[in-house]
Amino acid sequence: MDHNPADVPAQDQELVCFVCGAVAPADQRAVARLTWSRGRDGERTTWTCDRCSRDNVRSIEGKLDPAWW
């Protein structure tokens, strides 16, 4: 049965890396929410795994508004 992700509590939603497609195992989602990077793509929340975040940190920082610095 298909269900709307909005109907699933946030802590139970699957985390999929927007860059490489890695999936955080269900028993590690709480840790992944602390170590992965969260972003926005329009109205959608995206997640980037810790490895891809480290590999692309310069690019991520370059997209931040200068007010953050």
N, C-alpha and C. Protein backbone atom coordinates (compact mmCIF):
# COMPACT_ATOMS: atom_id res chain seq x y z
N MET A 1 0.84 -1.18 0.00
CA MET A 1 0.00 0.00 0.00
C MET A 1 0.89 1.24 0.00
N ASP A 2 0.64 2.17 -0.92
CA ASP A 2 1.39 3.42 -0.97
C ASP A 2 0.87 4.36 0.09
N HIS A 3 1.78 5.15 0.67
CA HIS A 3 1.35 6.14 1.65
C HIS A 3 2.12 7.42 1.40
N ASN A 4 1.56 8.49 1.82
CA ASN A 4 2.15 9.80 1.67
C ASN A 4 3.25 9.97 2.73
N PRO A 5 4.48 10.37 2.33
CA PRO A 5 5.55 10.56 3.33
C PRO A 5 5.16 11.55 4.42
N ALA A 6 4.25 12.46 4.13
CA ALA A 6 3.81 13.42 5.14
C ALA A 6 3.02 12.74 6.25
N ASP A 7 2.50 11.54 5.96
CA ASP A 7 1.73 10.79 6.95
C ASP A 7 2.62 10.00 7.90
N VAL A 8 3.91 9.90 7.59
CA VAL A 8 4.86 9.13 8.40
C VAL A 8 5.57 10.10 9.34
N PRO A 9 5.63 9.79 10.64
CA PRO A 9 6.36 10.67 11.57
C PRO A 9 7.79 10.89 11.09
N ALA A 10 8.32 12.09 11.30
CA ALA A 10 9.65 12.45 10.82
C ALA A 10 10.72 11.45 11.24
N GLN A 11 10.66 10.98 12.49
CA GLN A 11 11.70 10.06 12.97
C GLN A 11 11.63 8.70 12.27
N ASP A 12 10.52 8.38 11.62
CA ASP A 12 10.38 7.11 10.93
C ASP A 12 10.59 7.21 9.42
N GLN A 13 10.74 8.43 8.89
CA GLN A 13 10.91 8.59 7.46
C GLN A 13 12.29 8.11 7.03
N GLU A 14 12.32 7.43 5.89
CA GLU A 14 13.57 6.92 5.35
C GLU A 14 14.46 8.10 4.94
N LEU A 15 15.76 8.00 5.24
CA LEU A 15 16.72 9.02 4.84
C LEU A 15 17.52 8.47 3.67
N VAL A 16 17.45 9.18 2.55
CA VAL A 16 18.17 8.79 1.34
C VAL A 16 19.07 9.94 0.93
N CYS A 17 20.35 9.67 0.71
CA CYS A 17 21.28 10.70 0.31
C CYS A 17 20.92 11.23 -1.07
N PHE A 18 20.77 12.54 -1.17
CA PHE A 18 20.41 13.22 -2.41
C PHE A 18 21.51 13.09 -3.45
N VAL A 19 22.76 12.87 -3.01
CA VAL A 19 23.90 12.82 -3.92
C VAL A 19 24.17 11.40 -4.41
N CYS A 20 24.38 10.47 -3.47
CA CYS A 20 24.81 9.12 -3.85
C CYS A 20 23.72 8.06 -3.74
N GLY A 21 22.60 8.39 -3.08
CA GLY A 21 21.52 7.42 -2.95
C GLY A 21 21.64 6.48 -1.76
N ALA A 22 22.66 6.68 -0.92
CA ALA A 22 22.81 5.83 0.27
C ALA A 22 21.56 5.97 1.15
N VAL A 23 21.20 4.89 1.80
CA VAL A 23 20.03 4.88 2.68
C VAL A 23 20.50 4.60 4.11
N ALA A 24 20.07 5.44 5.03
CA ALA A 24 20.39 5.21 6.45
C ALA A 24 19.54 4.05 6.95
N PRO A 25 20.18 3.03 7.53
CA PRO A 25 19.41 1.91 8.09
C PRO A 25 18.43 2.41 9.15
N ALA A 26 17.29 1.76 9.26
CA ALA A 26 16.25 2.18 10.18
C ALA A 26 16.77 2.35 11.60
N ASP A 27 17.67 1.47 12.04
CA ASP A 27 18.16 1.55 13.41
C ASP A 27 19.24 2.62 13.60
N GLN A 28 19.63 3.32 12.52
CA GLN A 28 20.64 4.36 12.61
C GLN A 28 20.12 5.73 12.17
N ARG A 29 18.81 5.86 11.95
CA ARG A 29 18.25 7.12 11.48
C ARG A 29 18.45 8.27 12.46
N ALA A 30 18.36 7.98 13.75
CA ALA A 30 18.55 9.05 14.75
C ALA A 30 19.96 9.62 14.66
N VAL A 31 20.95 8.76 14.52
CA VAL A 31 22.34 9.21 14.38
C VAL A 31 22.51 9.93 13.05
N ALA A 32 21.93 9.41 11.99
CA ALA A 32 22.06 10.03 10.67
C ALA A 32 21.49 11.45 10.68
N ARG A 33 20.42 11.68 11.42
CA ARG A 33 19.85 13.03 11.48
C ARG A 33 20.82 14.02 12.13
N LEU A 34 21.76 13.53 12.91
CA LEU A 34 22.77 14.38 13.53
C LEU A 34 24.02 14.53 12.67
N THR A 35 24.33 13.54 11.84
CA THR A 35 25.58 13.56 11.09
C THR A 35 25.40 13.88 9.61
N TRP A 36 24.20 13.72 9.07
CA TRP A 36 23.94 14.04 7.67
C TRP A 36 23.55 15.52 7.57
N SER A 37 23.67 16.08 6.37
CA SER A 37 23.28 17.47 6.12
C SER A 37 21.87 17.51 5.55
N ARG A 38 21.07 18.42 6.08
CA ARG A 38 19.70 18.58 5.60
C ARG A 38 19.64 19.83 4.73
N GLY A 39 18.92 19.74 3.63
CA GLY A 39 18.77 20.87 2.73
C GLY A 39 17.35 20.98 2.23
N ARG A 40 17.11 21.98 1.41
CA ARG A 40 15.79 22.19 0.82
C ARG A 40 15.94 22.26 -0.69
N ASP A 41 15.05 21.61 -1.39
CA ASP A 41 14.95 21.67 -2.84
C ASP A 41 13.52 22.07 -3.14
N GLY A 42 13.29 23.38 -3.21
CA GLY A 42 11.91 23.86 -3.31
C GLY A 42 11.21 23.61 -1.99
N GLU A 43 10.14 22.86 -2.03
CA GLU A 43 9.37 22.52 -0.83
C GLU A 43 9.83 21.21 -0.20
N ARG A 44 10.71 20.50 -0.85
CA ARG A 44 11.13 19.17 -0.42
C ARG A 44 12.39 19.24 0.44
N THR A 45 12.41 18.46 1.52
CA THR A 45 13.60 18.33 2.35
C THR A 45 14.50 17.28 1.71
N THR A 46 15.80 17.61 1.60
CA THR A 46 16.76 16.65 1.07
C THR A 46 17.80 16.35 2.14
N TRP A 47 18.43 15.20 2.04
CA TRP A 47 19.47 14.78 2.97
C TRP A 47 20.71 14.41 2.18
N THR A 48 21.89 14.76 2.71
CA THR A 48 23.17 14.40 2.12
C THR A 48 23.95 13.65 3.20
N CYS A 49 24.38 12.43 2.88
CA CYS A 49 25.07 11.60 3.88
C CYS A 49 26.36 12.27 4.33
N ASP A 50 26.87 11.82 5.46
CA ASP A 50 28.07 12.43 6.03
C ASP A 50 29.26 12.33 5.08
N ARG A 51 29.39 11.24 4.36
CA ARG A 51 30.51 11.10 3.42
C ARG A 51 30.41 12.11 2.29
N CYS A 52 29.25 12.22 1.65
CA CYS A 52 29.07 13.17 0.56
C CYS A 52 29.19 14.61 1.07
N SER A 53 28.72 14.85 2.28
CA SER A 53 28.85 16.19 2.88
C SER A 53 30.32 16.56 3.02
N ARG A 54 31.13 15.64 3.54
CA ARG A 54 32.57 15.91 3.68
C ARG A 54 33.23 16.10 2.32
N ASP A 55 32.87 15.26 1.36
CA ASP A 55 33.47 15.33 0.03
C ASP A 55 33.12 16.64 -0.70
N ASN A 56 32.00 17.26 -0.34
CA ASN A 56 31.51 18.43 -1.06
C ASN A 56 31.38 19.67 -0.18
N VAL A 57 32.07 19.71 0.94
CA VAL A 57 31.91 20.80 1.90
C VAL A 57 32.22 22.17 1.28
N ARG A 58 33.22 22.27 0.45
CA ARG A 58 33.57 23.56 -0.15
C ARG A 58 32.43 24.06 -1.04
N SER A 59 31.84 23.18 -1.79
CA SER A 59 30.72 23.55 -2.65
C SER A 59 29.52 23.98 -1.81
N ILE A 60 29.26 23.26 -0.73
CA ILE A 60 28.14 23.59 0.16
C ILE A 60 28.36 24.96 0.78
N GLU A 61 29.57 25.21 1.30
CA GLU A 61 29.87 26.50 1.91
C GLU A 61 29.75 27.63 0.90
N GLY A 62 30.16 27.38 -0.34
CA GLY A 62 30.11 28.40 -1.38
C GLY A 62 28.71 28.85 -1.73
N LYS A 63 27.71 28.03 -1.40
CA LYS A 63 26.32 28.37 -1.70
C LYS A 63 25.64 29.12 -0.56
N LEU A 64 26.32 29.25 0.57
CA LEU A 64 25.72 29.94 1.71
C LEU A 64 25.68 31.44 1.46
N ASP A 65 24.65 32.07 1.95
CA ASP A 65 24.52 33.52 1.88
C ASP A 65 25.68 34.15 2.63
N PRO A 66 26.30 35.20 2.08
CA PRO A 66 27.42 35.86 2.77
C PRO A 66 27.10 36.30 4.19
N ALA A 67 25.83 36.49 4.51
CA ALA A 67 25.45 36.89 5.87
C ALA A 67 25.86 35.82 6.89
N TRP A 68 25.99 34.57 6.47
CA TRP A 68 26.40 33.49 7.39
C TRP A 68 27.86 33.64 7.81
N TRP A 69 28.63 34.37 7.04
CA TRP A 69 30.05 34.52 7.33
C TRP A 69 30.28 35.81 8.05
